[in-house]
Amino acid sequence: MLFALICTDKPDHLSVRLENRPAHVDYLNGLGDALKGAGPFLDGNEKPNGSLVILEAADKEEAQKIAANDPYDRAGLFQSVEIRPWAWLINNPEAS
């Protein structure tokens, strides 16, 4: 099942994001085929202020464990993390 992780950074935590970015990227790349896509949300000045991660997990509990182990989450970057089941209907390369 696919899940969308909708992560919102704490205010004034850009330095935490930048300091932990290499570990975060390594972590996501380590998810292999379970990672379907990821990228930052941007504020009005085009600075990152959150993240969207689409991943495949057996269930919501597994998705929560993956989210909790993200270096960004472990560093206290996020104000909130919403995990929602997601259906990839348009432009899904695996659906062809």
Protein backbone atom coordinates (compact mmCIF):
# COMPACT_ATOMS: atom_id res chain seq x y z
CA MET A 1 0.00 0.00 0.00
CA LEU A 2 1.20 3.52 -0.73
CA PHE A 3 1.37 6.24 1.91
CA ALA A 4 1.95 9.96 1.69
CA LEU A 5 4.01 11.45 4.51
CA ILE A 6 3.12 15.12 4.75
CA CYS A 7 5.70 16.76 6.99
CA THR A 8 5.65 20.34 8.20
CA ASP A 9 8.84 21.89 9.58
CA LYS A 10 8.90 23.78 12.85
CA PRO A 11 9.23 27.53 12.30
CA ASP A 12 12.79 28.84 12.10
CA HIS A 13 14.31 25.36 11.70
CA LEU A 14 15.92 25.75 8.28
CA SER A 15 19.36 25.24 9.82
CA VAL A 16 18.21 21.88 11.28
CA ARG A 17 16.98 20.84 7.83
CA LEU A 18 20.24 21.86 6.14
CA GLU A 19 22.45 20.19 8.77
CA ASN A 20 20.58 16.89 8.49
CA ARG A 21 19.92 16.86 4.74
CA PRO A 22 22.78 14.48 3.77
CA ALA A 23 21.66 11.87 6.33
CA HIS A 24 18.01 12.35 5.29
CA VAL A 25 18.82 11.83 1.61
CA ASP A 26 20.93 8.75 2.42
CA TYR A 27 18.08 7.36 4.52
CA LEU A 28 15.51 7.84 1.77
CA ASN A 29 17.82 6.34 -0.85
CA GLY A 30 18.28 3.36 1.47
CA LEU A 31 14.56 2.61 1.24
CA GLY A 32 15.14 1.28 -2.28
CA ASP A 33 12.05 0.45 -4.30
CA ALA A 34 9.77 1.33 -1.36
CA LEU A 35 10.47 5.01 -2.01
CA LYS A 36 8.26 6.23 -4.84
CA GLY A 37 9.04 9.94 -4.66
CA ALA A 38 10.04 12.72 -2.30
CA GLY A 39 10.78 16.42 -2.17
CA PRO A 40 10.45 19.55 -0.10
CA PHE A 41 7.58 21.97 0.19
CA LEU A 42 8.69 25.57 -0.36
CA ASP A 43 7.71 28.81 1.32
CA GLY A 44 7.10 32.12 -0.45
CA ASN A 45 10.87 32.69 -0.68
CA GLU A 46 11.43 29.22 -2.21
CA LYS A 47 13.06 27.95 0.99
CA PRO A 48 12.16 24.42 2.11
CA ASN A 49 9.66 24.29 4.96
CA GLY A 50 8.35 20.72 4.85
CA SER A 51 8.51 17.45 2.98
CA LEU A 52 6.34 15.15 0.95
CA VAL A 53 7.41 11.50 0.85
CA ILE A 54 5.52 8.82 -1.05
CA LEU A 55 6.41 5.31 0.02
CA GLU A 56 5.18 1.76 -0.12
CA ALA A 57 4.64 0.00 3.20
CA ALA A 58 2.75 -3.05 4.39
CA ASP A 59 0.51 -0.91 6.61
CA LYS A 60 0.29 2.44 8.38
CA GLU A 61 2.29 1.13 11.34
CA GLU A 62 5.24 0.32 9.07
CA ALA A 63 4.95 3.75 7.40
CA GLN A 64 5.02 5.35 10.87
CA LYS A 65 8.20 3.44 11.76
CA ILE A 66 9.85 4.57 8.53
CA ALA A 67 8.85 8.18 9.24
CA ALA A 68 10.10 8.01 12.83
CA ASN A 69 13.52 6.77 11.71
CA ASP A 70 14.03 9.59 9.20
CA PRO A 71 16.99 11.72 10.34
CA TYR A 72 14.85 14.84 9.93
CA ASP A 73 12.30 13.50 12.40
CA ARG A 74 15.00 12.27 14.79
CA ALA A 75 16.60 15.74 14.73
CA GLY A 76 13.30 17.34 15.76
CA LEU A 77 12.74 19.19 12.48
CA PHE A 78 9.06 18.45 12.07
CA GLN A 79 6.20 20.24 13.75
CA SER A 80 3.86 17.57 12.41
CA VAL A 81 3.88 14.43 10.28
CA GLU A 82 0.62 13.32 8.73
CA ILE A 83 0.57 9.82 7.23
CA ARG A 84 -2.23 9.12 4.78
CA PRO A 85 -2.96 6.15 2.50
CA TRP A 86 -2.53 7.27 -1.10
CA ALA A 87 -3.63 5.90 -4.48
CA TRP A 88 -1.34 6.70 -7.43
CA LEU A 89 -3.81 6.90 -10.30
CA ILE A 90 -2.23 9.31 -12.78
CA ASN A 91 1.22 8.79 -14.39
CA ASN A 92 2.05 5.76 -12.25
CA PRO A 93 4.87 4.00 -14.11
CA GLU A 94 4.06 0.72 -12.38
CA ALA A 95 0.46 0.72 -13.65
CA SER A 96 1.31 0.29 -17.33
